[in-house]
Amino acid sequence: QVQLVESGGGLVQPGGSLRLSCAASGSIFSISAMRWYRQAPGKQRELVATITRGGSTNYADFVKGRFTISNDDSKSTVYLQMNSLKPEDTAVYYCNVLGSRSSPLRSDFVAWGQGTQVTVSS
């Protein structure tokens, strides 16, 4: 019942910037954490960044200083601001949300977005 809709991916030159968005909708009671993952062809899906309800953030070493994760509680949306993009950042980026559903019965959930393609190339 909980759905995630991602947007913001595209083609950008090295050194450029993109901002990804992921909006959660459905019978959501609360959200405890939001994460961004990415997966490049031939590679394992890897965790990029996490933000918790309390605002704590965590980043993978390969994006520290370049990417910023943030959220808007009123919109149940998480963002990933990506600066100084490199060709190795090319991947499909997936949003992941952990929380609790309010209907039909209260229960925990894990939801995934469909992915948005980010391509960094000159």
PDB file of N, CA and C in Angstrom:
ATOM      1  N   GLN A   1       0.816  -1.209   0.000  1.00  0.00           N
ATOM      2  CA  GLN A   1       0.000   0.000   0.000  1.00  0.00           C
ATOM      3  C   GLN A   1       0.849   1.259   0.000  1.00  0.00           C
ATOM      4  N   VAL A   2       2.055   1.159   0.505  1.00  0.00           N
ATOM      5  CA  VAL A   2       2.970   2.297   0.507  1.00  0.00           C
ATOM      6  C   VAL A   2       3.756   2.288  -0.794  1.00  0.00           C
ATOM      7  N   GLN A   3       3.770   3.416  -1.459  1.00  0.00           N
ATOM      8  CA  GLN A   3       4.477   3.549  -2.722  1.00  0.00           C
ATOM      9  C   GLN A   3       5.488   4.677  -2.661  1.00  0.00           C
ATOM     10  N   LEU A   4       6.596   4.492  -3.364  1.00  0.00           N
ATOM     11  CA  LEU A   4       7.626   5.509  -3.463  1.00  0.00           C
ATOM     12  C   LEU A   4       7.778   5.900  -4.926  1.00  0.00           C
ATOM     13  N   VAL A   5       7.778   7.193  -5.182  1.00  0.00           N
ATOM     14  CA  VAL A   5       7.943   7.712  -6.528  1.00  0.00           C
ATOM     15  C   VAL A   5       9.208   8.547  -6.575  1.00  0.00           C
ATOM     16  N   GLU A   6      10.149   8.137  -7.415  1.00  0.00           N
ATOM     17  CA  GLU A   6      11.423   8.813  -7.532  1.00  0.00           C
ATOM     18  C   GLU A   6      11.450   9.719  -8.757  1.00  0.00           C
ATOM     19  N   SER A   7      12.242  10.765  -8.668  1.00  0.00           N
ATOM     20  CA  SER A   7      12.424  11.677  -9.782  1.00  0.00           C
ATOM     21  C   SER A   7      13.761  12.392  -9.639  1.00  0.00           C
ATOM     22  N   GLY A   8      14.196  13.034 -10.707  1.00  0.00           N
ATOM     23  CA  GLY A   8      15.386  13.859 -10.661  1.00  0.00           C
ATOM     24  C   GLY A   8      16.604  13.297 -11.356  1.00  0.00           C
ATOM     25  N   GLY A   9      16.546  12.056 -11.777  1.00  0.00           N
ATOM     26  CA  GLY A   9      17.679  11.472 -12.469  1.00  0.00           C
ATOM     27  C   GLY A   9      17.831  12.046 -13.865  1.00  0.00           C
ATOM     28  N   GLY A  10      18.964  11.757 -14.474  1.00  0.00           N
ATOM     29  CA  GLY A  10      19.207  12.243 -15.810  1.00  0.00           C
ATOM     30  C   GLY A  10      20.666  12.151 -16.193  1.00  0.00           C
ATOM     31  N   LEU A  11      20.998  12.825 -17.284  1.00  0.00           N
ATOM     32  CA  LEU A  11      22.358  12.859 -17.802  1.00  0.00           C
ATOM     33  C   LEU A  11      23.017  14.167 -17.397  1.00  0.00           C
ATOM     34  N   VAL A  12      24.211  14.071 -16.840  1.00  0.00           N
ATOM     35  CA  VAL A  12      24.942  15.253 -16.404  1.00  0.00           C
ATOM     36  C   VAL A  12      26.424  15.066 -16.693  1.00  0.00           C
ATOM     37  N   GLN A  13      27.119  16.165 -16.933  1.00  0.00           N
ATOM     38  CA  GLN A  13      28.555  16.110 -17.180  1.00  0.00           C
ATOM     39  C   GLN A  13      29.331  15.961 -15.880  1.00  0.00           C
ATOM     40  N   PRO A  14      30.531  15.398 -15.942  1.00  0.00           N
ATOM     41  CA  PRO A  14      31.360  15.327 -14.734  1.00  0.00           C
ATOM     42  C   PRO A  14      31.520  16.697 -14.096  1.00  0.00           C
ATOM     43  N   GLY A  15      31.407  16.718 -12.766  1.00  0.00           N
ATOM     44  CA  GLY A  15      31.476  17.965 -12.034  1.00  0.00           C
ATOM     45  C   GLY A  15      30.130  18.640 -11.854  1.00  0.00           C
ATOM     46  N   GLY A  16      29.116  18.137 -12.513  1.00  0.00           N
ATOM     47  CA  GLY A  16      27.794  18.711 -12.432  1.00  0.00           C
ATOM     48  C   GLY A  16      27.032  18.251 -11.210  1.00  0.00           C
ATOM     49  N   SER A  17      25.767  18.683 -11.141  1.00  0.00           N
ATOM     50  CA  SER A  17      24.929  18.393  -9.982  1.00  0.00           C
ATOM     51  C   SER A  17      23.555  17.901 -10.407  1.00  0.00           C
ATOM     52  N   LEU A  18      22.961  17.103  -9.550  1.00  0.00           N
ATOM     53  CA  LEU A  18      21.591  16.651  -9.698  1.00  0.00           C
ATOM     54  C   LEU A  18      20.971  16.555  -8.314  1.00  0.00           C
ATOM     55  N   ARG A  19      19.661  16.707  -8.245  1.00  0.00           N
ATOM     56  CA  ARG A  19      18.945  16.484  -7.001  1.00  0.00           C
ATOM     57  C   ARG A  19      17.862  15.444  -7.228  1.00  0.00           C
ATOM     58  N   LEU A  20      17.957  14.346  -6.499  1.00  0.00           N
ATOM     59  CA  LEU A  20      16.965  13.292  -6.572  1.00  0.00           C
ATOM     60  C   LEU A  20      15.900  13.499  -5.502  1.00  0.00           C
ATOM     61  N   SER A  21      14.673  13.141  -5.832  1.00  0.00           N
ATOM     62  CA  SER A  21      13.570  13.218  -4.893  1.00  0.00           C
ATOM     63  C   SER A  21      12.872  11.873  -4.822  1.00  0.00           C
ATOM     64  N   CYS A  22      12.350  11.562  -3.653  1.00  0.00           N
ATOM     65  CA  CYS A  22      11.588  10.340  -3.452  1.00  0.00           C
ATOM     66  C   CYS A  22      10.427  10.654  -2.525  1.00  0.00           C
ATOM     67  N   ALA A  23       9.221  10.554  -3.046  1.00  0.00           N
ATOM     68  CA  ALA A  23       8.022  10.868  -2.286  1.00  0.00           C
ATOM     69  C   ALA A  23       7.278   9.589  -1.920  1.00  0.00           C
ATOM     70  N   ALA A  24       6.987   9.431  -0.641  1.00  0.00           N
ATOM     71  CA  ALA A  24       6.250   8.277  -0.152  1.00  0.00           C
ATOM     72  C   ALA A  24       4.776   8.620  -0.004  1.00  0.00           C
ATOM     73  N   SER A  25       3.925   7.684  -0.380  1.00  0.00           N
ATOM     74  CA  SER A  25       2.492   7.891  -0.254  1.00  0.00           C
ATOM     75  C   SER A  25       1.816   6.590   0.147  1.00  0.00           C
ATOM     76  N   GLY A  26       0.591   6.705   0.653  1.00  0.00           N
ATOM     77  CA  GLY A  26      -0.156   5.550   1.095  1.00  0.00           C
ATOM     78  C   GLY A  26      -0.526   5.654   2.560  1.00  0.00           C
ATOM     79  N   SER A  27      -0.812   4.514   3.147  1.00  0.00           N
ATOM     80  CA  SER A  27      -1.256   4.470   4.544  1.00  0.00           C
ATOM     81  C   SER A  27      -0.055   4.477   5.479  1.00  0.00           C
ATOM     82  N   ILE A  28       0.565   5.625   5.582  1.00  0.00           N
ATOM     83  CA  ILE A  28       1.773   5.771   6.383  1.00  0.00           C
ATOM     84  C   ILE A  28       1.435   6.373   7.737  1.00  0.00           C
ATOM     85  N   PHE A  29       1.823   5.674   8.776  1.00  0.00           N
ATOM     86  CA  PHE A  29       1.655   6.189  10.130  1.00  0.00           C
ATOM     87  C   PHE A  29       2.882   6.997  10.552  1.00  0.00           C
ATOM     88  N   SER A  30       4.031   6.453  10.282  1.00  0.00           N
ATOM     89  CA  SER A  30       5.265   7.134  10.619  1.00  0.00           C
ATOM     90  C   SER A  30       6.402   6.582   9.773  1.00  0.00           C
ATOM     91  N   ILE A  31       7.460   7.369   9.669  1.00  0.00           N
ATOM     92  CA  ILE A  31       8.657   6.958   8.959  1.00  0.00           C
ATOM     93  C   ILE A  31       9.832   7.035   9.924  1.00  0.00           C
ATOM     94  N   SER A  32      10.588   5.968   9.999  1.00  0.00           N
ATOM     95  CA  SER A  32      11.719   5.928  10.917  1.00  0.00           C
ATOM     96  C   SER A  32      13.049   6.216  10.231  1.00  0.00           C
ATOM     97  N   ALA A  33      13.156   5.860   8.955  1.00  0.00           N
ATOM     98  CA  ALA A  33      14.403   6.093   8.233  1.00  0.00           C
ATOM     99  C   ALA A  33      14.156   6.112   6.745  1.00  0.00           C
ATOM    100  N   MET A  34      14.958   6.895   6.059  1.00  0.00           N
ATOM    101  CA  MET A  34      14.937   6.940   4.608  1.00  0.00           C
ATOM    102  C   MET A  34      16.357   6.768   4.123  1.00  0.00           C
ATOM    103  N   ARG A  35      16.533   5.999   3.065  1.00  0.00           N
ATOM    104  CA  ARG A  35      17.859   5.700   2.541  1.00  0.00           C
ATOM    105  C   ARG A  35      17.889   5.816   1.029  1.00  0.00           C
ATOM    106  N   TRP A  36      19.074   6.092   0.516  1.00  0.00           N
ATOM    107  CA  TRP A  36      19.347   6.020  -0.903  1.00  0.00           C
ATOM    108  C   TRP A  36      20.381   4.931  -1.148  1.00  0.00           C
ATOM    109  N   TYR A  37      20.078   4.052  -2.079  1.00  0.00           N
ATOM    110  CA  TYR A  37      20.995   3.043  -2.568  1.00  0.00           C
ATOM    111  C   TYR A  37      21.286   3.318  -4.035  1.00  0.00           C
ATOM    112  N   ARG A  38      22.323   2.690  -4.534  1.00  0.00           N
ATOM    113  CA  ARG A  38      22.573   2.748  -5.962  1.00  0.00           C
ATOM    114  C   ARG A  38      23.146   1.422  -6.438  1.00  0.00           C
ATOM    115  N   GLN A  39      22.946   1.143  -7.710  1.00  0.00           N
ATOM    116  CA  GLN A  39      23.454  -0.077  -8.297  1.00  0.00           C
ATOM    117  C   GLN A  39      23.904   0.185  -9.726  1.00  0.00           C
ATOM    118  N   ALA A  40      25.164  -0.077  -9.973  1.00  0.00           N
ATOM    119  CA  ALA A  40      25.728   0.040 -11.306  1.00  0.00           C
ATOM    120  C   ALA A  40      25.765  -1.335 -11.953  1.00  0.00           C
ATOM    121  N   PRO A  41      25.777  -1.396 -13.280  1.00  0.00           N
ATOM    122  CA  PRO A  41      25.827  -2.692 -13.959  1.00  0.00           C
ATOM    123  C   PRO A  41      27.006  -3.532 -13.491  1.00  0.00           C
ATOM    124  N   GLY A  42      26.733  -4.785 -13.157  1.00  0.00           N
ATOM    125  CA  GLY A  42      27.775  -5.691 -12.721  1.00  0.00           C
ATOM    126  C   GLY A  42      28.231  -5.517 -11.292  1.00  0.00           C
ATOM    127  N   LYS A  43      27.599  -4.623 -10.548  1.00  0.00           N
ATOM    128  CA  LYS A  43      27.987  -4.373  -9.173  1.00  0.00           C
ATOM    129  C   LYS A  43      26.829  -4.640  -8.218  1.00  0.00           C
ATOM    130  N   GLN A  44      27.182  -4.878  -6.964  1.00  0.00           N
ATOM    131  CA  GLN A  44      26.182  -5.049  -5.920  1.00  0.00           C
ATOM    132  C   GLN A  44      25.517  -3.717  -5.607  1.00  0.00           C
ATOM    133  N   ARG A  45      24.270  -3.793  -5.178  1.00  0.00           N
ATOM    134  CA  ARG A  45      23.595  -2.593  -4.711  1.00  0.00           C
ATOM    135  C   ARG A  45      24.294  -2.116  -3.440  1.00  0.00           C
ATOM    136  N   GLU A  46      24.577  -0.823  -3.377  1.00  0.00           N
ATOM    137  CA  GLU A  46      25.309  -0.285  -2.252  1.00  0.00           C
ATOM    138  C   GLU A  46      24.565   0.881  -1.613  1.00  0.00           C
ATOM    139  N   LEU A  47      24.716   0.985  -0.316  1.00  0.00           N
ATOM    140  CA  LEU A  47      24.082   2.064   0.434  1.00  0.00           C
ATOM    141  C   LEU A  47      24.847   3.356   0.222  1.00  0.00           C
ATOM    142  N   VAL A  48      24.119   4.414  -0.116  1.00  0.00           N
ATOM    143  CA  VAL A  48      24.722   5.712  -0.374  1.00  0.00           C
ATOM    144  C   VAL A  48      24.595   6.634   0.828  1.00  0.00           C
ATOM    145  N   ALA A  49      23.380   6.763   1.366  1.00  0.00           N
ATOM    146  CA  ALA A  49      23.146   7.686   2.469  1.00  0.00           C
ATOM    147  C   ALA A  49      21.887   7.304   3.218  1.00  0.00           C
ATOM    148  N   THR A  50      21.836   7.679   4.491  1.00  0.00           N
ATOM    149  CA  THR A  50      20.699   7.400   5.360  1.00  0.00           C
ATOM    150  C   THR A  50      20.349   8.636   6.164  1.00  0.00           C
ATOM    151  N   ILE A  51      19.066   8.853   6.367  1.00  0.00           N
ATOM    152  CA  ILE A  51      18.606   9.878   7.297  1.00  0.00           C
ATOM    153  C   ILE A  51      17.513   9.272   8.160  1.00  0.00           C
ATOM    154  N   THR A  52      17.594   9.501   9.465  1.00  0.00           N
ATOM    155  CA  THR A  52      16.610   8.977  10.400  1.00  0.00           C
ATOM    156  C   THR A  52      15.601  10.046  10.766  1.00  0.00           C
ATOM    157  N   ARG A  53      14.539   9.633  11.458  1.00  0.00           N
ATOM    158  CA  ARG A  53      13.501  10.569  11.866  1.00  0.00           C
ATOM    159  C   ARG A  53      14.073  11.690  12.727  1.00  0.00           C
ATOM    160  N   GLY A  54      15.063  11.380  13.529  1.00  0.00           N
ATOM    161  CA  GLY A  54      15.684  12.384  14.375  1.00  0.00           C
ATOM    162  C   GLY A  54      16.639  13.309  13.651  1.00  0.00           C
ATOM    163  N   GLY A  55      16.863  13.067  12.373  1.00  0.00           N
ATOM    164  CA  GLY A  55      17.711  13.937  11.583  1.00  0.00           C
ATOM    165  C   GLY A  55      19.153  13.504  11.458  1.00  0.00           C
ATOM    166  N   SER A  56      19.510  12.391  12.064  1.00  0.00           N
ATOM    167  CA  SER A  56      20.873  11.899  11.936  1.00  0.00           C
ATOM    168  C   SER A  56      21.125  11.419  10.515  1.00  0.00           C
ATOM    169  N   THR A  57      22.302  11.693  10.011  1.00  0.00           N
ATOM    170  CA  THR A  57      22.659  11.295   8.653  1.00  0.00           C
ATOM    171  C   THR A  57      23.920  10.462   8.653  1.00  0.00           C
ATOM    172  N   ASN A  58      24.035   9.634   7.634  1.00  0.00           N
ATOM    173  CA  ASN A  58      25.214   8.805   7.463  1.00  0.00           C
ATOM    174  C   ASN A  58      25.471   8.655   5.972  1.00  0.00           C
ATOM    175  N   TYR A  59      26.740   8.718   5.587  1.00  0.00           N
ATOM    176  CA  TYR A  59      27.108   8.658   4.183  1.00  0.00           C
ATOM    177  C   TYR A  59      28.177   7.614   3.931  1.00  0.00           C
ATOM    178  N   ALA A  60      28.096   7.010   2.763  1.00  0.00           N
ATOM    179  CA  ALA A  60      29.175   6.152   2.322  1.00  0.00           C
ATOM    180  C   ALA A  60      30.413   7.006   2.064  1.00  0.00           C
ATOM    181  N   ASP A  61      31.578   6.417   2.270  1.00  0.00           N
ATOM    182  CA  ASP A  61      32.815   7.171   2.107  1.00  0.00           C
ATOM    183  C   ASP A  61      32.967   7.761   0.712  1.00  0.00           C
ATOM    184  N   PHE A  62      32.469   7.066  -0.282  1.00  0.00           N
ATOM    185  CA  PHE A  62      32.676   7.526  -1.646  1.00  0.00           C
ATOM    186  C   PHE A  62      31.824   8.723  -2.042  1.00  0.00           C
ATOM    187  N   VAL A  63      30.918   9.165  -1.160  1.00  0.00           N
ATOM    188  CA  VAL A  63      30.113  10.349  -1.463  1.00  0.00           C
ATOM    189  C   VAL A  63      30.256  11.450  -0.427  1.00  0.00           C
ATOM    190  N   LYS A  64      30.984  11.212   0.635  1.00  0.00           N
ATOM    191  CA  LYS A  64      31.142  12.226   1.677  1.00  0.00           C
ATOM    192  C   LYS A  64      31.754  13.501   1.115  1.00  0.00           C
ATOM    193  N   GLY A  65      31.147  14.616   1.486  1.00  0.00           N
ATOM    194  CA  GLY A  65      31.609  15.900   0.996  1.00  0.00           C
ATOM    195  C   GLY A  65      31.025  16.297  -0.333  1.00  0.00           C
ATOM    196  N   ARG A  66      30.343  15.379  -1.003  1.00  0.00           N
ATOM    197  CA  ARG A  66      29.759  15.664  -2.304  1.00  0.00           C
ATOM    198  C   ARG A  66      28.237  15.560  -2.303  1.00  0.00           C
ATOM    199  N   PHE A  67      27.702  14.597  -1.562  1.00  0.00           N
ATOM    200  CA  PHE A  67      26.255  14.366  -1.532  1.00  0.00           C
ATOM    201  C   PHE A  67      25.672  14.800  -0.194  1.00  0.00           C
ATOM    202  N   THR A  68      24.422  15.235  -0.212  1.00  0.00           N
ATOM    203  CA  THR A  68      23.709  15.606   1.001  1.00  0.00           C
ATOM    204  C   THR A  68      22.313  15.005   0.973  1.00  0.00           C
ATOM    205  N   ILE A  69      21.963  14.274   2.025  1.00  0.00           N
ATOM    206  CA  ILE A  69      20.625  13.720   2.142  1.00  0.00           C
ATOM    207  C   ILE A  69      19.810  14.604   3.084  1.00  0.00           C
ATOM    208  N   SER A  70      18.551  14.814   2.748  1.00  0.00           N
ATOM    209  CA  SER A  70      17.664  15.613   3.574  1.00  0.00           C
ATOM    210  C   SER A  70      16.243  15.111   3.390  1.00  0.00           C
ATOM    211  N   ASN A  71      15.337  15.578   4.239  1.00  0.00           N
ATOM    212  CA  ASN A  71      13.952  15.161   4.097  1.00  0.00           C
ATOM    213  C   ASN A  71      12.995  16.284   4.449  1.00  0.00           C
ATOM    214  N   ASP A  72      11.754  16.095   4.041  1.00  0.00           N
ATOM    215  CA  ASP A  72      10.670  17.014   4.336  1.00  0.00           C
ATOM    216  C   ASP A  72       9.555  16.167   4.932  1.00  0.00           C
ATOM    217  N   ASP A  73       9.402  16.224   6.240  1.00  0.00           N
ATOM    218  CA  ASP A  73       8.423  15.378   6.917  1.00  0.00           C
ATOM    219  C   ASP A  73       6.995  15.656   6.460  1.00  0.00           C
ATOM    220  N   SER A  74       6.685  16.912   6.187  1.00  0.00           N
ATOM    221  CA  SER A  74       5.333  17.269   5.781  1.00  0.00           C
ATOM    222  C   SER A  74       4.948  16.657   4.443  1.00  0.00           C
ATOM    223  N   LYS A  75       5.943  16.354   3.624  1.00  0.00           N
ATOM    224  CA  LYS A  75       5.699  15.775   2.306  1.00  0.00           C
ATOM    225  C   LYS A  75       6.100  14.311   2.219  1.00  0.00           C
ATOM    226  N   SER A  76       6.604  13.761   3.315  1.00  0.00           N
ATOM    227  CA  SER A  76       7.108  12.380   3.333  1.00  0.00           C
ATOM    228  C   SER A  76       8.062  12.154   2.167  1.00  0.00           C
ATOM    229  N   THR A  77       8.974  13.091   2.006  1.00  0.00           N
ATOM    230  CA  THR A  77       9.881  13.083   0.871  1.00  0.00           C
ATOM    231  C   THR A  77      11.331  13.143   1.332  1.00  0.00           C
ATOM    232  N   VAL A  78      12.178  12.391   0.667  1.00  0.00           N
ATOM    233  CA  VAL A  78      13.606  12.427   0.922  1.00  0.00           C
ATOM    234  C   VAL A  78      14.309  12.901  -0.341  1.00  0.00           C
ATOM    235  N   TYR A  79      15.377  13.668  -0.149  1.00  0.00           N
ATOM    236  CA  TYR A  79      16.135  14.218  -1.260  1.00  0.00           C
ATOM    237  C   TYR A  79      17.591  13.776  -1.175  1.00  0.00           C
ATOM    238  N   LEU A  80      18.221  13.749  -2.316  1.00  0.00           N
ATOM    239  CA  LEU A  80      19.656  13.515  -2.375  1.00  0.00           C
ATOM    240  C   LEU A  80      20.252  14.548  -3.314  1.00  0.00           C
ATOM    241  N   GLN A  81      20.935  15.522  -2.735  1.00  0.00           N
ATOM    242  CA  GLN A  81      21.635  16.534  -3.518  1.00  0.00           C
ATOM    243  C   GLN A  81      23.012  15.996  -3.860  1.00  0.00           C
ATOM    244  N   MET A  82      23.295  15.880  -5.137  1.00  0.00           N
ATOM    245  CA  MET A  82      24.542  15.297  -5.600  1.00  0.00           C
ATOM    246  C   MET A  82      25.343  16.361  -6.331  1.00  0.00           C
ATOM    247  N   ASN A  83      26.494  16.696  -5.787  1.00  0.00           N
ATOM    248  CA  ASN A  83      27.389  17.678  -6.381  1.00  0.00           C
ATOM    249  C   ASN A  83      28.707  17.016  -6.770  1.00  0.00           C
ATOM    250  N   SER A  84      29.464  17.708  -7.599  1.00  0.00           N
ATOM    251  CA  SER A  84      30.765  17.212  -8.043  1.00  0.00           C
ATOM    252  C   SER A  84      30.678  15.774  -8.537  1.00  0.00           C
ATOM    253  N   LEU A  85      29.710  15.527  -9.372  1.00  0.00           N
ATOM    254  CA  LEU A  85      29.456  14.166  -9.840  1.00  0.00           C
ATOM    255  C   LEU A  85      30.610  13.631 -10.680  1.00  0.00           C
ATOM    256  N   LYS A  86      30.859  12.354 -10.512  1.00  0.00           N
ATOM    257  CA  LYS A  86      31.922  11.652 -11.216  1.00  0.00           C
ATOM    258  C   LYS A  86      31.328  10.552 -12.090  1.00  0.00           C
ATOM    259  N   PRO A  87      32.046  10.131 -13.122  1.00  0.00           N
ATOM    260  CA  PRO A  87      31.541   9.035 -13.951  1.00  0.00           C
ATOM    261  C   PRO A  87      31.216   7.783 -13.143  1.00  0.00           C
ATOM    262  N   GLU A  88      31.968   7.518 -12.089  1.00  0.00           N
ATOM    263  CA  GLU A  88      31.717   6.344 -11.271  1.00  0.00           C
ATOM    264  C   GLU A  88      30.438   6.446 -10.438  1.00  0.00           C
ATOM    265  N   ASP A  89      29.811   7.619 -10.421  1.00  0.00           N
ATOM    266  CA  ASP A  89      28.520   7.771  -9.763  1.00  0.00           C
ATOM    267  C   ASP A  89      27.377   7.270 -10.643  1.00  0.00           C
ATOM    268  N   THR A  90      27.679   6.943 -11.876  1.00  0.00           N
ATOM    269  CA  THR A  90      26.662   6.449 -12.795  1.00  0.00           C
ATOM    270  C   THR A  90      26.054   5.160 -12.263  1.00  0.00           C
ATOM    271  N   ALA A  91      24.749   5.152 -12.086  1.00  0.00           N
ATOM    272  CA  ALA A  91      24.049   4.003 -11.526  1.00  0.00           C
ATOM    273  C   ALA A  91      22.557   4.287 -11.514  1.00  0.00           C
ATOM    274  N   VAL A  92      21.797   3.250 -11.199  1.00  0.00           N
ATOM    275  CA  VAL A  92      20.389   3.434 -10.886  1.00  0.00           C
ATOM    276  C   VAL A  92      20.292   3.682  -9.388  1.00  0.00           C
ATOM    277  N   TYR A  93      19.653   4.763  -9.012  1.00  0.00           N
ATOM    278  CA  TYR A  93      19.523   5.136  -7.615  1.00  0.00           C
ATOM    279  C   TYR A  93      18.134   4.766  -7.105  1.00  0.00           C
ATOM    280  N   TYR A  94      18.103   4.088  -5.970  1.00  0.00           N
ATOM    281  CA  TYR A  94      16.866   3.598  -5.387  1.00  0.00           C
ATOM    282  C   TYR A  94      16.616   4.222  -4.025  1.00  0.00           C
ATOM    283  N   CYS A  95      15.394   4.634  -3.811  1.00  0.00           N
ATOM    284  CA  CYS A  95      14.960   5.120  -2.514  1.00  0.00           C
ATOM    285  C   CYS A  95      14.421   3.964  -1.691  1.00  0.00           C
ATOM    286  N   ASN A  96      14.706   3.976  -0.401  1.00  0.00           N
ATOM    287  CA  ASN A  96      14.242   2.953   0.523  1.00  0.00           C
ATOM    288  C   ASN A  96      13.705   3.627   1.778  1.00  0.00           C
ATOM    289  N   VAL A  97      12.515   3.223   2.206  1.00  0.00           N
ATOM    290  CA  VAL A  97      11.878   3.841   3.364  1.00  0.00           C
ATOM    291  C   VAL A  97      11.445   2.772   4.353  1.00  0.00           C
ATOM    292  N   LEU A  98      11.752   2.985   5.622  1.00  0.00           N
ATOM    293  CA  LEU A  98      11.316   2.123   6.709  1.00  0.00           C
ATOM    294  C   LEU A  98      10.327   2.901   7.558  1.00  0.00           C
ATOM    295  N   GLY A  99       9.213   2.267   7.892  1.00  0.00           N
ATOM    296  CA  GLY A  99       8.222   2.955   8.693  1.00  0.00           C
ATOM    297  C   GLY A  99       7.130   2.035   9.166  1.00  0.00           C
ATOM    298  N   SER A 100       6.005   2.649   9.527  1.00  0.00           N
ATOM    299  CA  SER A 100       4.851   1.918  10.031  1.00  0.00           C
ATOM    300  C   SER A 100       3.606   2.334   9.255  1.00  0.00           C
ATOM    301  N   ARG A 101       2.803   1.352   8.832  1.00  0.00           N
ATOM    302  CA  ARG A 101       1.539   1.614   8.149  1.00  0.00           C
ATOM    303  C   ARG A 101       0.419   1.840   9.151  1.00  0.00           C
ATOM    304  N   SER A 102      -0.553   2.638   8.756  1.00  0.00           N
ATOM    305  CA  SER A 102      -1.692   2.935   9.623  1.00  0.00           C
ATOM    306  C   SER A 102      -2.951   2.166   9.245  1.00  0.00           C
ATOM    307  N   SER A 103      -2.993   1.636   8.038  1.00  0.00           N
ATOM    308  CA  SER A 103      -4.195   0.957   7.553  1.00  0.00           C
ATOM    309  C   SER A 103      -3.829  -0.174   6.612  1.00  0.00           C
ATOM    310  N   PRO A 104      -4.601  -1.277   6.600  1.00  0.00           N
ATOM    311  CA  PRO A 104      -5.771  -1.549   7.420  1.00  0.00           C
ATOM    312  C   PRO A 104      -5.451  -1.860   8.874  1.00  0.00           C
ATOM    313  N   LEU A 105      -4.254  -2.361   9.119  1.00  0.00           N
ATOM    314  CA  LEU A 105      -3.771  -2.609  10.465  1.00  0.00           C
ATOM    315  C   LEU A 105      -2.377  -2.023  10.584  1.00  0.00           C
ATOM    316  N   ARG A 106      -2.071  -1.521  11.749  1.00  0.00           N
ATOM    317  CA  ARG A 106      -0.757  -0.949  11.962  1.00  0.00           C
ATOM    318  C   ARG A 106       0.307  -2.035  11.892  1.00  0.00           C
ATOM    319  N   SER A 107       1.285  -1.820  11.062  1.00  0.00           N
ATOM    320  CA  SER A 107       2.377  -2.762  10.918  1.00  0.00           C
ATOM    321  C   SER A 107       3.574  -2.069  10.287  1.00  0.00           C
ATOM    322  N   ASP A 108       4.738  -2.621  10.522  1.00  0.00           N
ATOM    323  CA  ASP A 108       5.951  -2.056   9.949  1.00  0.00           C
ATOM    324  C   ASP A 108       6.044  -2.376   8.463  1.00  0.00           C
ATOM    325  N   PHE A 109       6.761  -1.548   7.729  1.00  0.00           N
ATOM    326  CA  PHE A 109       6.943  -1.782   6.310  1.00  0.00           C
ATOM    327  C   PHE A 109       8.321  -1.345   5.857  1.00  0.00           C
ATOM    328  N   VAL A 110       8.747  -1.923   4.760  1.00  0.00           N
ATOM    329  CA  VAL A 110       9.933  -1.497   4.032  1.00  0.00           C
ATOM    330  C   VAL A 110       9.506  -1.326   2.588  1.00  0.00           C
ATOM    331  N   ALA A 111       9.691  -0.143   2.050  1.00  0.00           N
ATOM    332  CA  ALA A 111       9.282   0.149   0.687  1.00  0.00           C
ATOM    333  C   ALA A 111      10.477   0.565  -0.159  1.00  0.00           C
ATOM    334  N   TRP A 112      10.416   0.229  -1.431  1.00  0.00           N
ATOM    335  CA  TRP A 112      11.461   0.567  -2.390  1.00  0.00           C
ATOM    336  C   TRP A 112      10.882   1.341  -3.562  1.00  0.00           C
ATOM    337  N   GLY A 113      11.625   2.327  -4.019  1.00  0.00           N
ATOM    338  CA  GLY A 113      11.262   3.009  -5.241  1.00  0.00           C
ATOM    339  C   GLY A 113      11.659   2.179  -6.443  1.00  0.00           C
ATOM    340  N   GLN A 114      11.204   2.597  -7.607  1.00  0.00           N
ATOM    341  CA  GLN A 114      11.474   1.861  -8.831  1.00  0.00           C
ATOM    342  C   GLN A 114      12.851   2.156  -9.406  1.00  0.00           C
ATOM    343  N   GLY A 115      13.494   3.170  -8.899  1.00  0.00           N
ATOM    344  CA  GLY A 115      14.822   3.520  -9.362  1.00  0.00           C
ATOM    345  C   GLY A 115      14.806   4.659 -10.372  1.00  0.00           C
ATOM    346  N   THR A 116      15.831   5.476 -10.320  1.00  0.00           N
ATOM    347  CA  THR A 116      15.995   6.547 -11.290  1.00  0.00           C
ATOM    348  C   THR A 116      17.438   6.529 -11.791  1.00  0.00           C
ATOM    349  N   GLN A 117      17.602   6.625 -13.091  1.00  0.00           N
ATOM    350  CA  GLN A 117      18.919   6.504 -13.705  1.00  0.00           C
ATOM    351  C   GLN A 117      19.688   7.814 -13.602  1.00  0.00           C
ATOM    352  N   VAL A 118      20.907   7.715 -13.119  1.00  0.00           N
ATOM    353  CA  VAL A 118      21.838   8.837 -13.102  1.00  0.00           C
ATOM    354  C   VAL A 118      23.029   8.459 -13.968  1.00  0.00           C
ATOM    355  N   THR A 119      23.288   9.260 -14.975  1.00  0.00           N
ATOM    356  CA  THR A 119      24.405   9.010 -15.876  1.00  0.00           C
ATOM    357  C   THR A 119      25.318  10.225 -15.885  1.00  0.00           C
ATOM    358  N   VAL A 120      26.578  10.011 -15.548  1.00  0.00           N
ATOM    359  CA  VAL A 120      27.569  11.081 -15.517  1.00  0.00           C
ATOM    360  C   VAL A 120      28.564  10.810 -16.634  1.00  0.00           C
ATOM    361  N   SER A 121      28.515  11.621 -17.657  1.00  0.00           N
ATOM    362  CA  SER A 121      29.346  11.401 -18.829  1.00  0.00           C
ATOM    363  C   SER A 121      29.517  12.699 -19.602  1.00  0.00           C
ATOM    364  N   SER A 122      30.674  12.838 -20.234  1.00  0.00           N
ATOM    365  CA  SER A 122      30.924  13.978 -21.092  1.00  0.00           C
ATOM    366  C   SER A 122      30.636  13.648 -22.547  1.00  0.00           C
TER     367      SER A 122
END
